[in-house]
């Protein structure tokens, strides 16, 4: 099942930085990107270093596409597709995210609503 999980108030998100939330035993990195005006949610696990650190990465854009740079090895992951810019054999999960009545919500497949 797909359920929306409330993470925090949209006002709790610092623009252009990430936060990490545990949703259905999965670490999800959530970003509020002012360049696009959108929220993004991806897996927090960097598949290259196998560390849960992407929420601490720096967001920016390459060719007008939003990316987060991993804090360890600096690979860039597309916030819309999850694909690694430097090596397309690496990818992170992308999750549906929305603002609903001022709250940030993430939808994770097979998660059970609390």
PDB file of N, CA and C in Angstrom:
ATOM      1  N   UNK A   1       0.835  -1.186   0.000  1.00  0.00           N
ATOM      2  CA  UNK A   1       0.000   0.000   0.000  1.00  0.00           C
ATOM      3  C   UNK A   1       0.876   1.244   0.000  1.00  0.00           C
ATOM      4  N   UNK A   2       0.340   2.303  -0.535  1.00  0.00           N
ATOM      5  CA  UNK A   2       1.038   3.585  -0.527  1.00  0.00           C
ATOM      6  C   UNK A   2       0.283   4.536   0.385  1.00  0.00           C
ATOM      7  N   UNK A   3       0.942   4.993   1.413  1.00  0.00           N
ATOM      8  CA  UNK A   3       0.339   5.925   2.356  1.00  0.00           C
ATOM      9  C   UNK A   3       1.207   7.165   2.457  1.00  0.00           C
ATOM     10  N   UNK A   4       0.551   8.297   2.659  1.00  0.00           N
ATOM     11  CA  UNK A   4       1.279   9.545   2.887  1.00  0.00           C
ATOM     12  C   UNK A   4       1.643   9.628   4.362  1.00  0.00           C
ATOM     13  N   UNK A   5       2.887   9.946   4.640  1.00  0.00           N
ATOM     14  CA  UNK A   5       3.384  10.097   6.006  1.00  0.00           C
ATOM     15  C   UNK A   5       3.774  11.547   6.232  1.00  0.00           C
ATOM     16  N   UNK A   6       3.212  12.147   7.247  1.00  0.00           N
ATOM     17  CA  UNK A   6       3.544  13.522   7.583  1.00  0.00           C
ATOM     18  C   UNK A   6       4.913  13.546   8.260  1.00  0.00           C
ATOM     19  N   UNK A   7       5.790  14.419   7.741  1.00  0.00           N
ATOM     20  CA  UNK A   7       7.162  14.503   8.239  1.00  0.00           C
ATOM     21  C   UNK A   7       7.342  15.700   9.163  1.00  0.00           C
ATOM     22  N   UNK A   8       6.920  16.869   8.688  1.00  0.00           N
ATOM     23  CA  UNK A   8       7.091  18.093   9.461  1.00  0.00           C
ATOM     24  C   UNK A   8       6.274  19.197   8.804  1.00  0.00           C
ATOM     25  N   UNK A   9       6.273  20.349   9.425  1.00  0.00           N
ATOM     26  CA  UNK A   9       5.670  21.525   8.816  1.00  0.00           C
ATOM     27  C   UNK A   9       6.591  22.019   7.706  1.00  0.00           C
ATOM     28  N   UNK A  10       6.005  22.534   6.641  1.00  0.00           N
ATOM     29  CA  UNK A  10       6.833  23.076   5.554  1.00  0.00           C
ATOM     30  C   UNK A  10       7.696  24.222   6.075  1.00  0.00           C
ATOM     31  N   UNK A  11       7.243  24.925   7.097  1.00  0.00           N
ATOM     32  CA  UNK A  11       8.023  26.021   7.691  1.00  0.00           C
ATOM     33  C   UNK A  11       9.243  25.525   8.466  1.00  0.00           C
ATOM     34  N   UNK A  12       9.271  24.228   8.786  1.00  0.00           N
ATOM     35  CA  UNK A  12      10.424  23.658   9.489  1.00  0.00           C
ATOM     36  C   UNK A  12      11.602  23.399   8.554  1.00  0.00           C
ATOM     37  N   UNK A  13      11.346  23.373   7.248  1.00  0.00           N
ATOM     38  CA  UNK A  13      12.415  23.104   6.284  1.00  0.00           C
ATOM     39  C   UNK A  13      13.178  24.386   5.973  1.00  0.00           C
ATOM     40  N   UNK A  14      14.476  24.313   6.134  1.00  0.00           N
ATOM     41  CA  UNK A  14      15.337  25.439   5.776  1.00  0.00           C
ATOM     42  C   UNK A  14      15.518  25.384   4.257  1.00  0.00           C
ATOM     43  N   UNK A  15      15.259  26.482   3.561  1.00  0.00           N
ATOM     44  CA  UNK A  15      15.396  26.467   2.097  1.00  0.00           C
ATOM     45  C   UNK A  15      16.793  26.014   1.663  1.00  0.00           C
ATOM     46  N   UNK A  16      16.806  25.198   0.619  1.00  0.00           N
ATOM     47  CA  UNK A  16      18.039  24.716  -0.025  1.00  0.00           C
ATOM     48  C   UNK A  16      18.919  23.843   0.860  1.00  0.00           C
ATOM     49  N   UNK A  17      18.317  23.214   1.855  1.00  0.00           N
ATOM     50  CA  UNK A  17      19.031  22.234   2.669  1.00  0.00           C
ATOM     51  C   UNK A  17      18.145  20.998   2.799  1.00  0.00           C
ATOM     52  N   UNK A  18      18.745  19.910   3.252  1.00  0.00           N
ATOM     53  CA  UNK A  18      17.999  18.673   3.391  1.00  0.00           C
ATOM     54  C   UNK A  18      17.771  18.298   4.835  1.00  0.00           C
ATOM     55  N   UNK A  19      16.770  17.464   5.032  1.00  0.00           N
ATOM     56  CA  UNK A  19      16.503  16.832   6.325  1.00  0.00           C
ATOM     57  C   UNK A  19      16.299  15.349   6.057  1.00  0.00           C
ATOM     58  N   UNK A  20      16.510  14.556   7.078  1.00  0.00           N
ATOM     59  CA  UNK A  20      16.309  13.121   6.951  1.00  0.00           C
ATOM     60  C   UNK A  20      15.150  12.704   7.839  1.00  0.00           C
ATOM     61  N   UNK A  21      14.314  11.810   7.312  1.00  0.00           N
ATOM     62  CA  UNK A  21      13.196  11.269   8.085  1.00  0.00           C
ATOM     63  C   UNK A  21      13.180   9.757   7.919  1.00  0.00           C
ATOM     64  N   UNK A  22      12.816   9.057   8.968  1.00  0.00           N
ATOM     65  CA  UNK A  22      12.670   7.618   8.909  1.00  0.00           C
ATOM     66  C   UNK A  22      11.214   7.309   8.592  1.00  0.00           C
ATOM     67  N   UNK A  23      10.971   6.726   7.425  1.00  0.00           N
ATOM     68  CA  UNK A  23       9.615   6.409   6.979  1.00  0.00           C
ATOM     69  C   UNK A  23       9.580   4.931   6.632  1.00  0.00           C
ATOM     70  N   UNK A  24       8.792   4.164   7.384  1.00  0.00           N
ATOM     71  CA  UNK A  24       8.658   2.724   7.147  1.00  0.00           C
ATOM     72  C   UNK A  24      10.025   2.055   7.066  1.00  0.00           C
ATOM     73  N   UNK A  25      10.868   2.341   8.040  1.00  0.00           N
ATOM     74  CA  UNK A  25      12.218   1.770   8.131  1.00  0.00           C
ATOM     75  C   UNK A  25      13.136   2.167   6.981  1.00  0.00           C
ATOM     76  N   UNK A  26      12.789   3.232   6.270  1.00  0.00           N
ATOM     77  CA  UNK A  26      13.635   3.732   5.192  1.00  0.00           C
ATOM     78  C   UNK A  26      14.028   5.170   5.497  1.00  0.00           C
ATOM     79  N   UNK A  27      15.322   5.480   5.372  1.00  0.00           N
ATOM     80  CA  UNK A  27      15.765   6.855   5.551  1.00  0.00           C
ATOM     81  C   UNK A  27      15.514   7.624   4.253  1.00  0.00           C
ATOM     82  N   UNK A  28      14.769   8.711   4.385  1.00  0.00           N
ATOM     83  CA  UNK A  28      14.388   9.527   3.233  1.00  0.00           C
ATOM     84  C   UNK A  28      14.962  10.922   3.426  1.00  0.00           C
ATOM     85  N   UNK A  29      15.669  11.418   2.416  1.00  0.00           N
ATOM     86  CA  UNK A  29      16.201  12.779   2.421  1.00  0.00           C
ATOM     87  C   UNK A  29      15.192  13.683   1.716  1.00  0.00           C
ATOM     88  N   UNK A  30      14.814  14.766   2.379  1.00  0.00           N
ATOM     89  CA  UNK A  30      13.805  15.687   1.851  1.00  0.00           C
ATOM     90  C   UNK A  30      14.453  17.047   1.665  1.00  0.00           C
ATOM     91  N   UNK A  31      14.208  17.655   0.501  1.00  0.00           N
ATOM     92  CA  UNK A  31      14.815  18.934   0.149  1.00  0.00           C
ATOM     93  C   UNK A  31      13.746  19.925  -0.264  1.00  0.00           C
ATOM     94  N   UNK A  32      13.921  21.183   0.162  1.00  0.00           N
ATOM     95  CA  UNK A  32      13.067  22.291  -0.250  1.00  0.00           C
ATOM     96  C   UNK A  32      13.925  23.178  -1.143  1.00  0.00           C
ATOM     97  N   UNK A  33      13.762  23.036  -2.442  1.00  0.00           N
ATOM     98  CA  UNK A  33      14.609  23.729  -3.413  1.00  0.00           C
ATOM     99  C   UNK A  33      13.943  25.037  -3.846  1.00  0.00           C
ATOM    100  N   UNK A  34      14.548  26.152  -3.487  1.00  0.00           N
ATOM    101  CA  UNK A  34      13.959  27.436  -3.853  1.00  0.00           C
ATOM    102  C   UNK A  34      14.134  27.755  -5.335  1.00  0.00           C
ATOM    103  N   UNK A  35      15.142  27.184  -5.976  1.00  0.00           N
ATOM    104  CA  UNK A  35      15.360  27.432  -7.406  1.00  0.00           C
ATOM    105  C   UNK A  35      14.169  26.953  -8.226  1.00  0.00           C
ATOM    106  N   UNK A  36      13.647  25.761  -7.881  1.00  0.00           N
ATOM    107  CA  UNK A  36      12.505  25.211  -8.612  1.00  0.00           C
ATOM    108  C   UNK A  36      11.186  25.482  -7.900  1.00  0.00           C
ATOM    109  N   UNK A  37      11.255  25.812  -6.618  1.00  0.00           N
ATOM    110  CA  UNK A  37      10.037  26.008  -5.838  1.00  0.00           C
ATOM    111  C   UNK A  37       9.350  24.701  -5.472  1.00  0.00           C
ATOM    112  N   UNK A  38      10.096  23.586  -5.543  1.00  0.00           N
ATOM    113  CA  UNK A  38       9.512  22.266  -5.311  1.00  0.00           C
ATOM    114  C   UNK A  38      10.183  21.555  -4.143  1.00  0.00           C
ATOM    115  N   UNK A  39       9.463  20.576  -3.618  1.00  0.00           N
ATOM    116  CA  UNK A  39       9.998  19.658  -2.630  1.00  0.00           C
ATOM    117  C   UNK A  39      10.467  18.402  -3.352  1.00  0.00           C
ATOM    118  N   UNK A  40      11.532  17.778  -2.842  1.00  0.00           N
ATOM    119  CA  UNK A  40      12.046  16.538  -3.410  1.00  0.00           C
ATOM    120  C   UNK A  40      12.314  15.562  -2.274  1.00  0.00           C
ATOM    121  N   UNK A  41      12.141  14.271  -2.555  1.00  0.00           N
ATOM    122  CA  UNK A  41      12.436  13.235  -1.569  1.00  0.00           C
ATOM    123  C   UNK A  41      13.142  12.083  -2.273  1.00  0.00           C
ATOM    124  N   UNK A  42      14.310  11.724  -1.754  1.00  0.00           N
ATOM    125  CA  UNK A  42      15.101  10.623  -2.303  1.00  0.00           C
ATOM    126  C   UNK A  42      15.612   9.771  -1.145  1.00  0.00           C
ATOM    127  N   UNK A  43      16.137   8.618  -1.473  1.00  0.00           N
ATOM    128  CA  UNK A  43      16.773   7.788  -0.461  1.00  0.00           C
ATOM    129  C   UNK A  43      17.945   8.557   0.151  1.00  0.00           C
ATOM    130  N   UNK A  44      18.126   8.413   1.448  1.00  0.00           N
ATOM    131  CA  UNK A  44      19.234   9.095   2.111  1.00  0.00           C
ATOM    132  C   UNK A  44      20.554   8.343   1.928  1.00  0.00           C
ATOM    133  N   UNK A  45      20.482   7.097   1.485  1.00  0.00           N
ATOM    134  CA  UNK A  45      21.694   6.268   1.338  1.00  0.00           C
ATOM    135  C   UNK A  45      22.404   6.573   0.028  1.00  0.00           C
ATOM    136  N   UNK A  46      23.664   6.959   0.155  1.00  0.00           N
ATOM    137  CA  UNK A  46      24.532   7.165  -0.996  1.00  0.00           C
ATOM    138  C   UNK A  46      24.987   5.784  -1.462  1.00  0.00           C
ATOM    139  N   UNK A  47      24.621   5.355  -2.673  1.00  0.00           N
ATOM    140  CA  UNK A  47      24.963   4.002  -3.114  1.00  0.00           C
ATOM    141  C   UNK A  47      26.456   3.794  -3.376  1.00  0.00           C
ATOM    142  N   UNK A  48      27.222   4.842  -3.461  1.00  0.00           N
ATOM    143  CA  UNK A  48      28.662   4.712  -3.724  1.00  0.00           C
ATOM    144  C   UNK A  48      29.431   4.510  -2.418  1.00  0.00           C
ATOM    145  N   UNK A  49      29.100   5.289  -1.397  1.00  0.00           N
ATOM    146  CA  UNK A  49      29.781   5.146  -0.108  1.00  0.00           C
ATOM    147  C   UNK A  49      29.033   4.219   0.844  1.00  0.00           C
ATOM    148  N   UNK A  50      27.777   3.909   0.532  1.00  0.00           N
ATOM    149  CA  UNK A  50      26.891   3.124   1.402  1.00  0.00           C
ATOM    150  C   UNK A  50      26.669   3.779   2.759  1.00  0.00           C
ATOM    151  N   UNK A  51      26.756   5.094   2.791  1.00  0.00           N
ATOM    152  CA  UNK A  51      26.499   5.855   4.013  1.00  0.00           C
ATOM    153  C   UNK A  51      25.187   6.620   3.847  1.00  0.00           C
ATOM    154  N   UNK A  52      24.461   6.788   4.945  1.00  0.00           N
ATOM    155  CA  UNK A  52      23.211   7.552   4.940  1.00  0.00           C
ATOM    156  C   UNK A  52      23.529   9.028   5.146  1.00  0.00           C
ATOM    157  N   UNK A  53      23.830   9.734   4.035  1.00  0.00           N
ATOM    158  CA  UNK A  53      24.337  11.103   4.163  1.00  0.00           C
ATOM    159  C   UNK A  53      23.781  12.086   3.138  1.00  0.00           C
ATOM    160  N   UNK A  54      22.964  11.637   2.197  1.00  0.00           N
ATOM    161  CA  UNK A  54      22.564  12.552   1.125  1.00  0.00           C
ATOM    162  C   UNK A  54      21.781  13.757   1.624  1.00  0.00           C
ATOM    163  N   UNK A  55      21.078  13.626   2.747  1.00  0.00           N
ATOM    164  CA  UNK A  55      20.331  14.774   3.283  1.00  0.00           C
ATOM    165  C   UNK A  55      21.266  15.911   3.686  1.00  0.00           C
ATOM    166  N   UNK A  56      22.545  15.614   3.865  1.00  0.00           N
ATOM    167  CA  UNK A  56      23.541  16.631   4.235  1.00  0.00           C
ATOM    168  C   UNK A  56      24.280  17.199   3.032  1.00  0.00           C
ATOM    169  N   UNK A  57      23.875  16.757   1.836  1.00  0.00           N
ATOM    170  CA  UNK A  57      24.533  17.226   0.627  1.00  0.00           C
ATOM    171  C   UNK A  57      24.111  18.627   0.241  1.00  0.00           C
ATOM    172  N   UNK A  58      24.848  19.186  -0.694  1.00  0.00           N
ATOM    173  CA  UNK A  58      24.564  20.535  -1.200  1.00  0.00           C
ATOM    174  C   UNK A  58      23.729  20.410  -2.459  1.00  0.00           C
ATOM    175  N   UNK A  59      22.606  21.148  -2.503  1.00  0.00           N
ATOM    176  CA  UNK A  59      21.781  21.089  -3.703  1.00  0.00           C
ATOM    177  C   UNK A  59      22.138  22.223  -4.650  1.00  0.00           C
ATOM    178  N   UNK A  60      21.966  21.939  -5.909  1.00  0.00           N
ATOM    179  CA  UNK A  60      22.242  22.901  -6.959  1.00  0.00           C
ATOM    180  C   UNK A  60      21.592  22.405  -8.232  1.00  0.00           C
ATOM    181  N   UNK A  61      22.070  22.892  -9.358  1.00  0.00           N
ATOM    182  CA  UNK A  61      21.494  22.437 -10.622  1.00  0.00           C
ATOM    183  C   UNK A  61      22.595  22.269 -11.659  1.00  0.00           C
ATOM    184  N   UNK A  62      22.355  21.343 -12.564  1.00  0.00           N
ATOM    185  CA  UNK A  62      23.211  21.106 -13.712  1.00  0.00           C
ATOM    186  C   UNK A  62      22.274  21.045 -14.910  1.00  0.00           C
ATOM    187  N   UNK A  63      22.505  21.915 -15.898  1.00  0.00           N
ATOM    188  CA  UNK A  63      21.610  21.996 -17.055  1.00  0.00           C
ATOM    189  C   UNK A  63      20.153  22.196 -16.627  1.00  0.00           C
ATOM    190  N   UNK A  64      19.939  23.043 -15.626  1.00  0.00           N
ATOM    191  CA  UNK A  64      18.614  23.376 -15.097  1.00  0.00           C
ATOM    192  C   UNK A  64      17.887  22.188 -14.476  1.00  0.00           C
ATOM    193  N   UNK A  65      18.604  21.151 -14.084  1.00  0.00           N
ATOM    194  CA  UNK A  65      18.011  20.013 -13.394  1.00  0.00           C
ATOM    195  C   UNK A  65      18.557  20.007 -11.966  1.00  0.00           C
ATOM    196  N   UNK A  66      17.661  19.811 -10.973  1.00  0.00           N
ATOM    197  CA  UNK A  66      18.113  19.867  -9.574  1.00  0.00           C
ATOM    198  C   UNK A  66      18.888  18.610  -9.170  1.00  0.00           C
ATOM    199  N   UNK A  67      20.004  18.822  -8.508  1.00  0.00           N
ATOM    200  CA  UNK A  67      20.873  17.744  -8.039  1.00  0.00           C
ATOM    201  C   UNK A  67      21.259  17.983  -6.589  1.00  0.00           C
ATOM    202  N   UNK A  68      21.640  16.890  -5.925  1.00  0.00           N
ATOM    203  CA  UNK A  68      22.291  16.987  -4.626  1.00  0.00           C
ATOM    204  C   UNK A  68      23.657  16.344  -4.776  1.00  0.00           C
ATOM    205  N   UNK A  69      24.676  17.002  -4.240  1.00  0.00           N
ATOM    206  CA  UNK A  69      26.037  16.467  -4.263  1.00  0.00           C
ATOM    207  C   UNK A  69      26.283  15.711  -2.964  1.00  0.00           C
ATOM    208  N   UNK A  70      26.709  14.477  -3.083  1.00  0.00           N
ATOM    209  CA  UNK A  70      27.016  13.681  -1.906  1.00  0.00           C
ATOM    210  C   UNK A  70      28.149  14.339  -1.129  1.00  0.00           C
ATOM    211  N   UNK A  71      28.039  14.439   0.192  1.00  0.00           N
ATOM    212  CA  UNK A  71      29.096  15.071   0.977  1.00  0.00           C
ATOM    213  C   UNK A  71      30.409  14.278   1.014  1.00  0.00           C
ATOM    214  N   UNK A  72      30.375  12.986   0.701  1.00  0.00           N
ATOM    215  CA  UNK A  72      31.611  12.200   0.770  1.00  0.00           C
ATOM    216  C   UNK A  72      32.424  12.256  -0.515  1.00  0.00           C
ATOM    217  N   UNK A  73      31.894  11.694  -1.574  1.00  0.00           N
ATOM    218  CA  UNK A  73      32.675  11.599  -2.814  1.00  0.00           C
ATOM    219  C   UNK A  73      32.227  12.583  -3.887  1.00  0.00           C
ATOM    220  N   UNK A  74      31.237  13.394  -3.560  1.00  0.00           N
ATOM    221  CA  UNK A  74      30.789  14.521  -4.397  1.00  0.00           C
ATOM    222  C   UNK A  74      30.046  14.130  -5.678  1.00  0.00           C
ATOM    223  N   UNK A  75      29.603  12.876  -5.814  1.00  0.00           N
ATOM    224  CA  UNK A  75      28.770  12.553  -6.963  1.00  0.00           C
ATOM    225  C   UNK A  75      27.442  13.289  -6.840  1.00  0.00           C
ATOM    226  N   UNK A  76      26.867  13.599  -7.981  1.00  0.00           N
ATOM    227  CA  UNK A  76      25.616  14.353  -8.035  1.00  0.00           C
ATOM    228  C   UNK A  76      24.463  13.420  -8.383  1.00  0.00           C
ATOM    229  N   UNK A  77      23.391  13.486  -7.592  1.00  0.00           N
ATOM    230  CA  UNK A  77      22.207  12.673  -7.825  1.00  0.00           C
ATOM    231  C   UNK A  77      21.041  13.585  -8.198  1.00  0.00           C
ATOM    232  N   UNK A  78      20.397  13.266  -9.323  1.00  0.00           N
ATOM    233  CA  UNK A  78      19.264  14.041  -9.816  1.00  0.00           C
ATOM    234  C   UNK A  78      18.108  13.889  -8.832  1.00  0.00           C
ATOM    235  N   UNK A  79      17.581  15.011  -8.346  1.00  0.00           N
ATOM    236  CA  UNK A  79      16.492  14.971  -7.376  1.00  0.00           C
ATOM    237  C   UNK A  79      15.163  14.545  -7.993  1.00  0.00           C
ATOM    238  N   UNK A  80      15.051  14.586  -9.310  1.00  0.00           N
ATOM    239  CA  UNK A  80      13.809  14.179  -9.980  1.00  0.00           C
ATOM    240  C   UNK A  80      13.822  12.705 -10.379  1.00  0.00           C
ATOM    241  N   UNK A  81      14.985  12.193 -10.775  1.00  0.00           N
ATOM    242  CA  UNK A  81      15.061  10.822 -11.286  1.00  0.00           C
ATOM    243  C   UNK A  81      15.877   9.889 -10.407  1.00  0.00           C
ATOM    244  N   UNK A  82      16.745  10.429  -9.567  1.00  0.00           N
ATOM    245  CA  UNK A  82      17.614   9.630  -8.715  1.00  0.00           C
ATOM    246  C   UNK A  82      18.900   9.187  -9.380  1.00  0.00           C
ATOM    247  N   UNK A  83      19.061   9.474 -10.669  1.00  0.00           N
ATOM    248  CA  UNK A  83      20.228   9.013 -11.414  1.00  0.00           C
ATOM    249  C   UNK A  83      21.483   9.806 -11.037  1.00  0.00           C
ATOM    250  N   UNK A  84      22.608   9.097 -10.978  1.00  0.00           N
ATOM    251  CA  UNK A  84      23.900   9.719 -10.697  1.00  0.00           C
ATOM    252  C   UNK A  84      24.434  10.353 -11.975  1.00  0.00           C
ATOM    253  N   UNK A  85      24.813  11.609 -11.909  1.00  0.00           N
ATOM    254  CA  UNK A  85      25.307  12.335 -13.070  1.00  0.00           C
ATOM    255  C   UNK A  85      26.620  11.752 -13.579  1.00  0.00           C
ATOM    256  N   UNK A  86      27.516  11.378 -12.671  1.00  0.00           N
ATOM    257  CA  UNK A  86      28.844  10.913 -13.064  1.00  0.00           C
ATOM    258  C   UNK A  86      28.854   9.454 -13.531  1.00  0.00           C
ATOM    259  N   UNK A  87      27.927   8.644 -13.033  1.00  0.00           N
ATOM    260  CA  UNK A  87      27.901   7.221 -13.380  1.00  0.00           C
ATOM    261  C   UNK A  87      26.463   6.729 -13.312  1.00  0.00           C
ATOM    262  N   UNK A  88      25.814   6.609 -14.467  1.00  0.00           N
ATOM    263  CA  UNK A  88      24.387   6.270 -14.514  1.00  0.00           C
ATOM    264  C   UNK A  88      24.086   4.850 -14.023  1.00  0.00           C
ATOM    265  N   UNK A  89      25.108   4.058 -13.718  1.00  0.00           N
ATOM    266  CA  UNK A  89      24.840   2.736 -13.145  1.00  0.00           C
ATOM    267  C   UNK A  89      24.435   2.848 -11.677  1.00  0.00           C
ATOM    268  N   UNK A  90      24.625   4.024 -11.083  1.00  0.00           N
ATOM    269  CA  UNK A  90      24.186   4.284  -9.709  1.00  0.00           C
ATOM    270  C   UNK A  90      22.921   5.122  -9.725  1.00  0.00           C
ATOM    271  N   UNK A  91      22.004   4.784  -8.827  1.00  0.00           N
ATOM    272  CA  UNK A  91      20.747   5.513  -8.733  1.00  0.00           C
ATOM    273  C   UNK A  91      20.215   5.390  -7.311  1.00  0.00           C
ATOM    274  N   UNK A  92      19.501   6.409  -6.872  1.00  0.00           N
ATOM    275  CA  UNK A  92      18.837   6.367  -5.574  1.00  0.00           C
ATOM    276  C   UNK A  92      17.332   6.359  -5.802  1.00  0.00           C
ATOM    277  N   UNK A  93      16.601   5.844  -4.823  1.00  0.00           N
ATOM    278  CA  UNK A  93      15.142   5.848  -4.918  1.00  0.00           C
ATOM    279  C   UNK A  93      14.614   7.269  -4.839  1.00  0.00           C
ATOM    280  N   UNK A  94      13.555   7.525  -5.584  1.00  0.00           N
ATOM    281  CA  UNK A  94      12.861   8.805  -5.546  1.00  0.00           C
ATOM    282  C   UNK A  94      11.464   8.535  -4.983  1.00  0.00           C
ATOM    283  N   UNK A  95      11.033   9.376  -4.062  1.00  0.00           N
ATOM    284  CA  UNK A  95       9.731   9.204  -3.412  1.00  0.00           C
ATOM    285  C   UNK A  95       8.814  10.369  -3.749  1.00  0.00           C
ATOM    286  N   UNK A  96       7.533  10.077  -3.778  1.00  0.00           N
ATOM    287  CA  UNK A  96       6.539  11.135  -3.951  1.00  0.00           C
ATOM    288  C   UNK A  96       6.539  11.983  -2.683  1.00  0.00           C
ATOM    289  N   UNK A  97       6.496  13.298  -2.864  1.00  0.00           N
ATOM    290  CA  UNK A  97       6.481  14.220  -1.733  1.00  0.00           C
ATOM    291  C   UNK A  97       5.524  15.348  -2.068  1.00  0.00           C
ATOM    292  N   UNK A  98       4.850  15.853  -1.054  1.00  0.00           N
ATOM    293  CA  UNK A  98       3.899  16.945  -1.291  1.00  0.00           C
ATOM    294  C   UNK A  98       3.780  17.816  -0.049  1.00  0.00           C
ATOM    295  N   UNK A  99       3.253  19.012  -0.278  1.00  0.00           N
ATOM    296  CA  UNK A  99       2.832  19.872   0.825  1.00  0.00           C
ATOM    297  C   UNK A  99       1.322  19.730   0.911  1.00  0.00           C
ATOM    298  N   UNK A 100       0.824  19.383   2.082  1.00  0.00           N
ATOM    299  CA  UNK A 100      -0.609  19.172   2.286  1.00  0.00           C
ATOM    300  C   UNK A 100      -1.025  19.902   3.558  1.00  0.00           C
ATOM    301  N   UNK A 101      -1.796  20.967   3.398  1.00  0.00           N
ATOM    302  CA  UNK A 101      -2.243  21.788   4.536  1.00  0.00           C
ATOM    303  C   UNK A 101      -1.066  22.260   5.388  1.00  0.00           C
ATOM    304  N   UNK A 102       0.013  22.678   4.718  1.00  0.00           N
ATOM    305  CA  UNK A 102       1.170  23.221   5.412  1.00  0.00           C
ATOM    306  C   UNK A 102       2.124  22.170   5.959  1.00  0.00           C
ATOM    307  N   UNK A 103       1.835  20.896   5.699  1.00  0.00           N
ATOM    308  CA  UNK A 103       2.680  19.809   6.187  1.00  0.00           C
ATOM    309  C   UNK A 103       3.397  19.141   5.015  1.00  0.00           C
ATOM    310  N   UNK A 104       4.641  18.722   5.250  1.00  0.00           N
ATOM    311  CA  UNK A 104       5.388  17.976   4.256  1.00  0.00           C
ATOM    312  C   UNK A 104       5.048  16.511   4.445  1.00  0.00           C
ATOM    313  N   UNK A 105       4.625  15.856   3.357  1.00  0.00           N
ATOM    314  CA  UNK A 105       4.274  14.450   3.407  1.00  0.00           C
ATOM    315  C   UNK A 105       5.036  13.677   2.343  1.00  0.00           C
ATOM    316  N   UNK A 106       5.432  12.445   2.709  1.00  0.00           N
ATOM    317  CA  UNK A 106       6.163  11.566   1.805  1.00  0.00           C
ATOM    318  C   UNK A 106       5.373  10.275   1.681  1.00  0.00           C
ATOM    319  N   UNK A 107       5.364   9.737   0.457  1.00  0.00           N
ATOM    320  CA  UNK A 107       4.697   8.454   0.211  1.00  0.00           C
ATOM    321  C   UNK A 107       5.762   7.414  -0.128  1.00  0.00           C
ATOM    322  N   UNK A 108       5.762   6.337   0.660  1.00  0.00           N
ATOM    323  CA  UNK A 108       6.709   5.253   0.464  1.00  0.00           C
ATOM    324  C   UNK A 108       5.904   3.980   0.190  1.00  0.00           C
ATOM    325  N   UNK A 109       6.229   3.274  -0.894  1.00  0.00           N
ATOM    326  CA  UNK A 109       5.529   2.032  -1.240  1.00  0.00           C
ATOM    327  C   UNK A 109       5.660   1.024  -0.101  1.00  0.00           C
ATOM    328  N   UNK A 110       4.609   0.298   0.125  1.00  0.00           N
ATOM    329  CA  UNK A 110       4.539  -0.766   1.135  1.00  0.00           C
ATOM    330  C   UNK A 110       4.665  -0.267   2.561  1.00  0.00           C
ATOM    331  N   UNK A 111       4.506   1.026   2.768  1.00  0.00           N
ATOM    332  CA  UNK A 111       4.543   1.558   4.137  1.00  0.00           C
ATOM    333  C   UNK A 111       3.143   1.520   4.720  1.00  0.00           C
ATOM    334  N   UNK A 112       3.051   1.262   5.987  1.00  0.00           N
ATOM    335  CA  UNK A 112       1.773   1.202   6.672  1.00  0.00           C
ATOM    336  C   UNK A 112       1.563   2.508   7.411  1.00  0.00           C
ATOM    337  N   UNK A 113       0.395   3.090   7.247  1.00  0.00           N
ATOM    338  CA  UNK A 113       0.091   4.368   7.902  1.00  0.00           C
ATOM    339  C   UNK A 113       0.036   4.174   9.406  1.00  0.00           C
ATOM    340  N   UNK A 114       0.552   5.151  10.111  1.00  0.00           N
ATOM    341  CA  UNK A 114       0.560   5.091  11.581  1.00  0.00           C
ATOM    342  C   UNK A 114      -0.783   5.541  12.125  1.00  0.00           C
TER     343      UNK A 114
END
